[in-house]
């Protein structure tokens, strides 16, 4: 991914601005600094970027991933040939800002449900090709990962249920695989049907707070419950208070704003 990003940015002519304006023997130090508060994730990618551009560039990571920072915190220092340092600046920041944004948004959701038993989960609503990085950033923000892809867990959703001919038929067929099984339900009648089957988790899809509270009472702890559907930061605490075990939030990865970071030169 780093190689692809550099190829996209440098093309076949390289950083023409730096090459034309900076003498070849100029050595500079760039400091990446937080311009807003947040949580750090993806620092090692800065090293990967400069290892490909110029192995002589040194990257000093001043913090570790998962660290909370305030405005003005210096995250890392990059020192080497001026042309090399500036050639990698934007690619390094693009990776870092996005992953820090995911971690920072996750941390806000985790803080919102503090004091409840609810665990914040991510989803498969990730940037194509970035899934493992974004799910790593979720962990750095204090969340947990749901399934990685379509291969490591059975998650029976509405389209599977419709195509299979019902919840019972879909779950029964899925039990042939030695994988955890989760089934989605839209109402309390479907919940009661799912509870008669051997499943590892039940997903409450787009239920309101009253329905979720009733679902928790009906289930009585026999199967873990996951709430999903339009989970916004201003609503997640109320959802957690219903007593569900998990809350999956697509926004962690598909809508996280980049954390504002910048590189400035220092003497």
C-alpha atoms as a PDB file:
ATOM      1  CA  UNK A   1       0.000   0.000   0.000  1.00  0.00           C
ATOM      2  CA  UNK A   2       2.855   2.383   0.779  1.00  0.00           C
ATOM      3  CA  UNK A   3       4.515   1.542  -2.529  1.00  0.00           C
ATOM      4  CA  UNK A   4       1.272   2.196  -4.391  1.00  0.00           C
ATOM      5  CA  UNK A   5       0.717   5.511  -2.594  1.00  0.00           C
ATOM      6  CA  UNK A   6       4.246   6.696  -3.383  1.00  0.00           C
ATOM      7  CA  UNK A   7       3.951   5.671  -7.024  1.00  0.00           C
ATOM      8  CA  UNK A   8       0.681   7.587  -7.238  1.00  0.00           C
ATOM      9  CA  UNK A   9       2.256  10.732  -5.768  1.00  0.00           C
ATOM     10  CA  UNK A  10       5.705  10.682  -7.364  1.00  0.00           C
ATOM     11  CA  UNK A  11       4.873   9.310 -10.805  1.00  0.00           C
ATOM     12  CA  UNK A  12       7.828   8.844 -13.134  1.00  0.00           C
ATOM     13  CA  UNK A  13       9.377  12.280 -12.491  1.00  0.00           C
ATOM     14  CA  UNK A  14       9.458  12.394  -8.687  1.00  0.00           C
ATOM     15  CA  UNK A  15       8.948  15.477  -6.536  1.00  0.00           C
ATOM     16  CA  UNK A  16       9.878  18.101  -9.102  1.00  0.00           C
ATOM     17  CA  UNK A  17       9.267  21.025  -6.735  1.00  0.00           C
ATOM     18  CA  UNK A  18      11.693  19.764  -4.076  1.00  0.00           C
ATOM     19  CA  UNK A  19      14.261  18.694  -6.667  1.00  0.00           C
ATOM     20  CA  UNK A  20      14.259  22.138  -8.288  1.00  0.00           C
ATOM     21  CA  UNK A  21      14.103  24.300  -5.177  1.00  0.00           C
ATOM     22  CA  UNK A  22      16.196  22.473  -2.558  1.00  0.00           C
ATOM     23  CA  UNK A  23      19.961  21.891  -2.918  1.00  0.00           C
ATOM     24  CA  UNK A  24      20.882  18.210  -2.953  1.00  0.00           C
ATOM     25  CA  UNK A  25      23.074  18.493   0.168  1.00  0.00           C
ATOM     26  CA  UNK A  26      20.500  20.271   2.340  1.00  0.00           C
ATOM     27  CA  UNK A  27      19.636  18.357   5.528  1.00  0.00           C
ATOM     28  CA  UNK A  28      16.373  19.165   7.317  1.00  0.00           C
ATOM     29  CA  UNK A  29      14.355  17.950  10.284  1.00  0.00           C
ATOM     30  CA  UNK A  30      10.589  17.728   9.969  1.00  0.00           C
ATOM     31  CA  UNK A  31       8.411  17.438  13.055  1.00  0.00           C
ATOM     32  CA  UNK A  32       4.927  15.971  12.762  1.00  0.00           C
ATOM     33  CA  UNK A  33       2.683  17.711  15.248  1.00  0.00           C
ATOM     34  CA  UNK A  34      -0.958  17.332  16.314  1.00  0.00           C
ATOM     35  CA  UNK A  35      -3.101  20.349  15.490  1.00  0.00           C
ATOM     36  CA  UNK A  36      -6.044  18.899  17.419  1.00  0.00           C
ATOM     37  CA  UNK A  37      -6.536  16.455  20.282  1.00  0.00           C
ATOM     38  CA  UNK A  38      -6.922  12.805  19.430  1.00  0.00           C
ATOM     39  CA  UNK A  39      -5.506   9.286  19.557  1.00  0.00           C
ATOM     40  CA  UNK A  40      -2.453   8.166  17.605  1.00  0.00           C
ATOM     41  CA  UNK A  41      -2.445   5.162  15.261  1.00  0.00           C
ATOM     42  CA  UNK A  42      -0.225   4.167  12.335  1.00  0.00           C
ATOM     43  CA  UNK A  43       3.118   5.642  13.363  1.00  0.00           C
ATOM     44  CA  UNK A  44       5.128   2.735  11.978  1.00  0.00           C
ATOM     45  CA  UNK A  45       3.845   3.583   8.495  1.00  0.00           C
ATOM     46  CA  UNK A  46       5.876   6.814   8.623  1.00  0.00           C
ATOM     47  CA  UNK A  47       8.988   4.644   8.860  1.00  0.00           C
ATOM     48  CA  UNK A  48       7.775   2.488   5.979  1.00  0.00           C
ATOM     49  CA  UNK A  49       7.276   5.527   3.758  1.00  0.00           C
ATOM     50  CA  UNK A  50      10.769   6.882   4.281  1.00  0.00           C
ATOM     51  CA  UNK A  51      12.398   3.458   4.068  1.00  0.00           C
ATOM     52  CA  UNK A  52      11.144   3.316   0.476  1.00  0.00           C
ATOM     53  CA  UNK A  53      11.999   6.911  -0.412  1.00  0.00           C
ATOM     54  CA  UNK A  54      15.460   7.125   1.171  1.00  0.00           C
ATOM     55  CA  UNK A  55      16.857   4.605   3.697  1.00  0.00           C
ATOM     56  CA  UNK A  56      19.242   7.321   4.955  1.00  0.00           C
ATOM     57  CA  UNK A  57      16.326   9.304   6.391  1.00  0.00           C
ATOM     58  CA  UNK A  58      15.900   8.700  10.121  1.00  0.00           C
ATOM     59  CA  UNK A  59      12.449   8.565  11.686  1.00  0.00           C
ATOM     60  CA  UNK A  60      12.210   9.024  15.453  1.00  0.00           C
ATOM     61  CA  UNK A  61       8.808   7.960  16.781  1.00  0.00           C
ATOM     62  CA  UNK A  62       8.290   9.949  19.976  1.00  0.00           C
ATOM     63  CA  UNK A  63       5.042   8.236  21.017  1.00  0.00           C
ATOM     64  CA  UNK A  64       3.385   4.836  20.664  1.00  0.00           C
ATOM     65  CA  UNK A  65       0.133   3.995  18.933  1.00  0.00           C
ATOM     66  CA  UNK A  66      -2.854   4.279  21.243  1.00  0.00           C
ATOM     67  CA  UNK A  67      -1.491   7.389  22.961  1.00  0.00           C
ATOM     68  CA  UNK A  68      -3.843  10.329  23.475  1.00  0.00           C
ATOM     69  CA  UNK A  69      -2.403  13.682  22.417  1.00  0.00           C
ATOM     70  CA  UNK A  70      -3.294  17.320  22.870  1.00  0.00           C
ATOM     71  CA  UNK A  71      -2.949  20.231  20.467  1.00  0.00           C
ATOM     72  CA  UNK A  72       0.723  20.906  19.797  1.00  0.00           C
ATOM     73  CA  UNK A  73       2.068  17.477  20.747  1.00  0.00           C
ATOM     74  CA  UNK A  74       5.034  16.442  18.593  1.00  0.00           C
ATOM     75  CA  UNK A  75       4.447  12.887  17.410  1.00  0.00           C
ATOM     76  CA  UNK A  76       7.631  12.120  15.493  1.00  0.00           C
ATOM     77  CA  UNK A  77      10.700  13.667  13.894  1.00  0.00           C
ATOM     78  CA  UNK A  78      12.018  12.939  10.409  1.00  0.00           C
ATOM     79  CA  UNK A  79      15.599  13.934   9.530  1.00  0.00           C
ATOM     80  CA  UNK A  80      17.519  13.598   6.305  1.00  0.00           C
ATOM     81  CA  UNK A  81      18.018  15.061   2.854  1.00  0.00           C
ATOM     82  CA  UNK A  82      15.518  17.866   2.386  1.00  0.00           C
ATOM     83  CA  UNK A  83      14.363  16.524  -0.944  1.00  0.00           C
ATOM     84  CA  UNK A  84      13.651  13.096   0.564  1.00  0.00           C
ATOM     85  CA  UNK A  85      11.901  14.386   3.677  1.00  0.00           C
ATOM     86  CA  UNK A  86       9.516  16.584   1.712  1.00  0.00           C
ATOM     87  CA  UNK A  87       8.908  13.951  -0.956  1.00  0.00           C
ATOM     88  CA  UNK A  88       7.415  11.616   1.662  1.00  0.00           C
ATOM     89  CA  UNK A  89       5.582  14.216   3.727  1.00  0.00           C
ATOM     90  CA  UNK A  90       2.121  13.997   2.181  1.00  0.00           C
ATOM     91  CA  UNK A  91       1.990  10.221   1.816  1.00  0.00           C
ATOM     92  CA  UNK A  92       3.096   9.755   5.429  1.00  0.00           C
ATOM     93  CA  UNK A  93       0.536  12.278   6.639  1.00  0.00           C
ATOM     94  CA  UNK A  94      -2.262  10.779   4.531  1.00  0.00           C
ATOM     95  CA  UNK A  95      -1.822   7.384   6.170  1.00  0.00           C
ATOM     96  CA  UNK A  96      -1.294   8.810   9.642  1.00  0.00           C
ATOM     97  CA  UNK A  97      -4.131  11.354   9.615  1.00  0.00           C
ATOM     98  CA  UNK A  98      -6.716   8.830   8.481  1.00  0.00           C
ATOM     99  CA  UNK A  99      -5.722   6.122  10.946  1.00  0.00           C
ATOM    100  CA  UNK A 100      -5.482   8.625  13.804  1.00  0.00           C
ATOM    101  CA  UNK A 101      -8.948   9.819  12.818  1.00  0.00           C
ATOM    102  CA  UNK A 102     -10.344   6.283  13.081  1.00  0.00           C
ATOM    103  CA  UNK A 103      -8.680   5.763  16.457  1.00  0.00           C
ATOM    104  CA  UNK A 104      -9.872   9.134  17.738  1.00  0.00           C
ATOM    105  CA  UNK A 105     -13.503   8.591  16.729  1.00  0.00           C
ATOM    106  CA  UNK A 106     -13.421   5.102  18.227  1.00  0.00           C
ATOM    107  CA  UNK A 107     -12.129   6.523  21.514  1.00  0.00           C
ATOM    108  CA  UNK A 108     -15.094   8.909  21.645  1.00  0.00           C
ATOM    109  CA  UNK A 109     -17.564   6.049  21.228  1.00  0.00           C
ATOM    110  CA  UNK A 110     -15.745   3.971  23.847  1.00  0.00           C
ATOM    111  CA  UNK A 111     -15.828   6.896  26.292  1.00  0.00           C
ATOM    112  CA  UNK A 112     -19.549   7.388  25.651  1.00  0.00           C
ATOM    113  CA  UNK A 113     -20.407   3.843  26.812  1.00  0.00           C
ATOM    114  CA  UNK A 114     -18.032   3.803  29.791  1.00  0.00           C
ATOM    115  CA  UNK A 115     -19.712   2.363  32.861  1.00  0.00           C
ATOM    116  CA  UNK A 116     -21.833  -0.074  30.853  1.00  0.00           C
ATOM    117  CA  UNK A 117     -20.936  -3.579  29.684  1.00  0.00           C
ATOM    118  CA  UNK A 118     -21.282  -2.650  26.026  1.00  0.00           C
ATOM    119  CA  UNK A 119     -18.273  -3.230  23.778  1.00  0.00           C
ATOM    120  CA  UNK A 120     -17.774  -1.017  20.719  1.00  0.00           C
ATOM    121  CA  UNK A 121     -17.182  -3.018  17.525  1.00  0.00           C
ATOM    122  CA  UNK A 122     -16.233  -2.043  13.996  1.00  0.00           C
ATOM    123  CA  UNK A 123     -17.801  -3.440  10.808  1.00  0.00           C
ATOM    124  CA  UNK A 124     -16.789  -4.402   7.263  1.00  0.00           C
ATOM    125  CA  UNK A 125     -17.633  -0.878   6.086  1.00  0.00           C
ATOM    126  CA  UNK A 126     -13.991  -0.114   5.449  1.00  0.00           C
ATOM    127  CA  UNK A 127     -12.016   1.608   2.704  1.00  0.00           C
ATOM    128  CA  UNK A 128     -11.175  -1.038   0.081  1.00  0.00           C
ATOM    129  CA  UNK A 129      -7.653  -2.316   0.711  1.00  0.00           C
ATOM    130  CA  UNK A 130      -7.379  -0.523   4.070  1.00  0.00           C
ATOM    131  CA  UNK A 131      -9.347  -2.991   6.217  1.00  0.00           C
ATOM    132  CA  UNK A 132      -6.541  -4.382   8.356  1.00  0.00           C
ATOM    133  CA  UNK A 133      -5.117  -0.908   8.927  1.00  0.00           C
ATOM    134  CA  UNK A 134      -8.486   0.590   9.848  1.00  0.00           C
ATOM    135  CA  UNK A 135      -9.358  -2.296  12.138  1.00  0.00           C
ATOM    136  CA  UNK A 136      -5.948  -1.888  13.794  1.00  0.00           C
ATOM    137  CA  UNK A 137      -6.750   1.788  14.356  1.00  0.00           C
ATOM    138  CA  UNK A 138     -10.071   0.812  15.951  1.00  0.00           C
ATOM    139  CA  UNK A 139      -8.163  -1.307  18.470  1.00  0.00           C
ATOM    140  CA  UNK A 140      -5.809   1.597  19.174  1.00  0.00           C
ATOM    141  CA  UNK A 141      -8.872   3.696  20.004  1.00  0.00           C
ATOM    142  CA  UNK A 142     -10.100   1.127  22.527  1.00  0.00           C
ATOM    143  CA  UNK A 143     -12.656  -0.658  20.365  1.00  0.00           C
ATOM    144  CA  UNK A 144     -12.720  -4.283  19.320  1.00  0.00           C
ATOM    145  CA  UNK A 145     -12.854  -5.909  15.913  1.00  0.00           C
ATOM    146  CA  UNK A 146     -15.888  -7.699  14.527  1.00  0.00           C
ATOM    147  CA  UNK A 147     -15.183 -10.330  11.860  1.00  0.00           C
ATOM    148  CA  UNK A 148     -12.354  -9.442   9.500  1.00  0.00           C
ATOM    149  CA  UNK A 149     -14.116 -10.586   6.325  1.00  0.00           C
ATOM    150  CA  UNK A 150     -16.650 -12.970   4.907  1.00  0.00           C
ATOM    151  CA  UNK A 151     -14.461 -15.970   5.703  1.00  0.00           C
ATOM    152  CA  UNK A 152     -13.943 -15.993   9.478  1.00  0.00           C
ATOM    153  CA  UNK A 153     -17.490 -15.876  10.867  1.00  0.00           C
ATOM    154  CA  UNK A 154     -21.020 -16.688   9.755  1.00  0.00           C
ATOM    155  CA  UNK A 155     -23.212 -13.581   9.900  1.00  0.00           C
ATOM    156  CA  UNK A 156     -26.706 -14.338   8.625  1.00  0.00           C
ATOM    157  CA  UNK A 157     -28.394 -11.105   7.543  1.00  0.00           C
ATOM    158  CA  UNK A 158     -31.755 -10.289   5.997  1.00  0.00           C
ATOM    159  CA  UNK A 159     -30.790 -11.182   2.430  1.00  0.00           C
ATOM    160  CA  UNK A 160     -29.414 -14.560   3.524  1.00  0.00           C
ATOM    161  CA  UNK A 161     -32.611 -15.207   5.479  1.00  0.00           C
ATOM    162  CA  UNK A 162     -34.804 -14.277   2.515  1.00  0.00           C
ATOM    163  CA  UNK A 163     -32.767 -16.385   0.097  1.00  0.00           C
ATOM    164  CA  UNK A 164     -32.652 -19.387   2.442  1.00  0.00           C
ATOM    165  CA  UNK A 165     -36.372 -19.321   3.233  1.00  0.00           C
ATOM    166  CA  UNK A 166     -36.253 -18.115   6.813  1.00  0.00           C
ATOM    167  CA  UNK A 167     -34.100 -17.771   9.931  1.00  0.00           C
ATOM    168  CA  UNK A 168     -34.326 -21.417  10.970  1.00  0.00           C
ATOM    169  CA  UNK A 169     -33.426 -22.680   7.510  1.00  0.00           C
ATOM    170  CA  UNK A 170     -30.461 -20.322   7.199  1.00  0.00           C
ATOM    171  CA  UNK A 171     -29.051 -21.100  10.657  1.00  0.00           C
ATOM    172  CA  UNK A 172     -29.541 -24.854  10.260  1.00  0.00           C
ATOM    173  CA  UNK A 173     -27.635 -24.836   6.989  1.00  0.00           C
ATOM    174  CA  UNK A 174     -24.842 -22.706   8.451  1.00  0.00           C
ATOM    175  CA  UNK A 175     -24.244 -25.112  11.303  1.00  0.00           C
ATOM    176  CA  UNK A 176     -22.396 -27.384   8.879  1.00  0.00           C
ATOM    177  CA  UNK A 177     -19.369 -25.084   9.228  1.00  0.00           C
ATOM    178  CA  UNK A 178     -17.210 -25.009  12.343  1.00  0.00           C
ATOM    179  CA  UNK A 179     -17.463 -21.239  12.643  1.00  0.00           C
ATOM    180  CA  UNK A 180     -19.172 -18.854  15.070  1.00  0.00           C
ATOM    181  CA  UNK A 181     -22.730 -18.059  13.947  1.00  0.00           C
ATOM    182  CA  UNK A 182     -24.466 -14.714  14.358  1.00  0.00           C
ATOM    183  CA  UNK A 183     -27.962 -14.076  13.063  1.00  0.00           C
ATOM    184  CA  UNK A 184     -29.700 -10.768  12.426  1.00  0.00           C
ATOM    185  CA  UNK A 185     -33.240 -10.145  13.677  1.00  0.00           C
ATOM    186  CA  UNK A 186     -35.492  -7.179  12.941  1.00  0.00           C
ATOM    187  CA  UNK A 187     -38.172  -7.653  15.603  1.00  0.00           C
ATOM    188  CA  UNK A 188     -38.974  -9.548  18.790  1.00  0.00           C
ATOM    189  CA  UNK A 189     -40.752 -12.394  17.003  1.00  0.00           C
ATOM    190  CA  UNK A 190     -37.596 -13.095  15.000  1.00  0.00           C
ATOM    191  CA  UNK A 191     -35.577 -12.845  18.221  1.00  0.00           C
ATOM    192  CA  UNK A 192     -37.704 -15.535  19.845  1.00  0.00           C
ATOM    193  CA  UNK A 193     -37.203 -17.772  16.810  1.00  0.00           C
ATOM    194  CA  UNK A 194     -33.436 -17.218  16.872  1.00  0.00           C
ATOM    195  CA  UNK A 195     -33.313 -18.097  20.576  1.00  0.00           C
ATOM    196  CA  UNK A 196     -34.581 -21.598  19.789  1.00  0.00           C
ATOM    197  CA  UNK A 197     -31.542 -22.180  17.567  1.00  0.00           C
ATOM    198  CA  UNK A 198     -27.887 -22.794  18.292  1.00  0.00           C
ATOM    199  CA  UNK A 199     -26.249 -19.441  17.600  1.00  0.00           C
ATOM    200  CA  UNK A 200     -23.344 -17.598  19.194  1.00  0.00           C
ATOM    201  CA  UNK A 201     -24.692 -14.057  18.921  1.00  0.00           C
ATOM    202  CA  UNK A 202     -27.850 -12.268  17.846  1.00  0.00           C
ATOM    203  CA  UNK A 203     -27.772  -8.969  15.991  1.00  0.00           C
ATOM    204  CA  UNK A 204     -30.588  -6.542  16.770  1.00  0.00           C
ATOM    205  CA  UNK A 205     -30.948  -4.613  13.538  1.00  0.00           C
ATOM    206  CA  UNK A 206     -32.272  -1.041  13.688  1.00  0.00           C
ATOM    207  CA  UNK A 207     -34.406  -1.646  16.771  1.00  0.00           C
ATOM    208  CA  UNK A 208     -35.532   1.282  18.887  1.00  0.00           C
ATOM    209  CA  UNK A 209     -34.517   1.607  22.536  1.00  0.00           C
ATOM    210  CA  UNK A 210     -37.722   0.047  23.887  1.00  0.00           C
ATOM    211  CA  UNK A 211     -37.346  -2.969  21.600  1.00  0.00           C
ATOM    212  CA  UNK A 212     -33.710  -3.392  22.641  1.00  0.00           C
ATOM    213  CA  UNK A 213     -34.632  -3.304  26.328  1.00  0.00           C
ATOM    214  CA  UNK A 214     -37.309  -5.924  25.711  1.00  0.00           C
ATOM    215  CA  UNK A 215     -34.831  -8.032  23.744  1.00  0.00           C
ATOM    216  CA  UNK A 216     -32.378  -7.950  26.652  1.00  0.00           C
ATOM    217  CA  UNK A 217     -35.132  -9.052  29.040  1.00  0.00           C
ATOM    218  CA  UNK A 218     -36.343 -11.858  26.765  1.00  0.00           C
ATOM    219  CA  UNK A 219     -32.822 -13.134  26.089  1.00  0.00           C
ATOM    220  CA  UNK A 220     -31.908 -13.068  29.805  1.00  0.00           C
ATOM    221  CA  UNK A 221     -28.206 -13.435  29.075  1.00  0.00           C
ATOM    222  CA  UNK A 222     -28.492 -16.760  27.244  1.00  0.00           C
ATOM    223  CA  UNK A 223     -26.987 -15.354  24.030  1.00  0.00           C
ATOM    224  CA  UNK A 224     -24.892 -12.177  23.612  1.00  0.00           C
ATOM    225  CA  UNK A 225     -26.781  -9.372  21.873  1.00  0.00           C
ATOM    226  CA  UNK A 226     -25.302  -6.909  19.403  1.00  0.00           C
ATOM    227  CA  UNK A 227     -27.050  -3.663  18.488  1.00  0.00           C
ATOM    228  CA  UNK A 228     -26.505  -2.244  15.012  1.00  0.00           C
ATOM    229  CA  UNK A 229     -27.911   0.387  12.691  1.00  0.00           C
ATOM    230  CA  UNK A 230     -27.239   4.136  12.484  1.00  0.00           C
ATOM    231  CA  UNK A 231     -25.195   4.277  15.661  1.00  0.00           C
ATOM    232  CA  UNK A 232     -24.384   7.943  16.216  1.00  0.00           C
ATOM    233  CA  UNK A 233     -22.225   9.318  19.000  1.00  0.00           C
ATOM    234  CA  UNK A 234     -25.134  11.195  20.571  1.00  0.00           C
ATOM    235  CA  UNK A 235     -27.221   8.002  20.749  1.00  0.00           C
ATOM    236  CA  UNK A 236     -24.755   5.293  21.649  1.00  0.00           C
ATOM    237  CA  UNK A 237     -24.867   5.848  25.435  1.00  0.00           C
ATOM    238  CA  UNK A 238     -28.632   5.288  25.463  1.00  0.00           C
ATOM    239  CA  UNK A 239     -28.188   2.120  23.412  1.00  0.00           C
ATOM    240  CA  UNK A 240     -25.531   0.839  25.801  1.00  0.00           C
ATOM    241  CA  UNK A 241     -27.860   1.525  28.741  1.00  0.00           C
ATOM    242  CA  UNK A 242     -30.381  -0.982  27.369  1.00  0.00           C
ATOM    243  CA  UNK A 243     -28.018  -3.766  28.429  1.00  0.00           C
ATOM    244  CA  UNK A 244     -26.804  -5.045  25.055  1.00  0.00           C
ATOM    245  CA  UNK A 245     -23.380  -6.687  24.998  1.00  0.00           C
ATOM    246  CA  UNK A 246     -22.015  -5.217  21.767  1.00  0.00           C
ATOM    247  CA  UNK A 247     -22.632  -2.154  19.637  1.00  0.00           C
ATOM    248  CA  UNK A 248     -21.309  -2.214  16.063  1.00  0.00           C
ATOM    249  CA  UNK A 249     -20.567   1.154  14.492  1.00  0.00           C
ATOM    250  CA  UNK A 250     -19.902   1.480  10.775  1.00  0.00           C
ATOM    251  CA  UNK A 251     -19.033   5.161  11.175  1.00  0.00           C
ATOM    252  CA  UNK A 252     -15.770   4.263  12.925  1.00  0.00           C
ATOM    253  CA  UNK A 253     -14.254   3.419   9.566  1.00  0.00           C
ATOM    254  CA  UNK A 254     -16.517   4.828   6.867  1.00  0.00           C
ATOM    255  CA  UNK A 255     -17.015   8.306   8.323  1.00  0.00           C
ATOM    256  CA  UNK A 256     -14.077   9.082  10.620  1.00  0.00           C
ATOM    257  CA  UNK A 257     -12.703  12.577   9.952  1.00  0.00           C
ATOM    258  CA  UNK A 258      -8.929  12.762   9.537  1.00  0.00           C
ATOM    259  CA  UNK A 259      -7.054  14.010  12.592  1.00  0.00           C
ATOM    260  CA  UNK A 260      -5.415  17.339  11.786  1.00  0.00           C
ATOM    261  CA  UNK A 261      -1.636  16.794  11.702  1.00  0.00           C
ATOM    262  CA  UNK A 262       1.120  18.748  10.001  1.00  0.00           C
ATOM    263  CA  UNK A 263       4.848  18.574   9.377  1.00  0.00           C
ATOM    264  CA  UNK A 264       6.895  21.707  10.033  1.00  0.00           C
ATOM    265  CA  UNK A 265      10.629  22.134   9.753  1.00  0.00           C
ATOM    266  CA  UNK A 266      12.675  22.710  12.887  1.00  0.00           C
ATOM    267  CA  UNK A 267      16.208  23.947  13.400  1.00  0.00           C
END
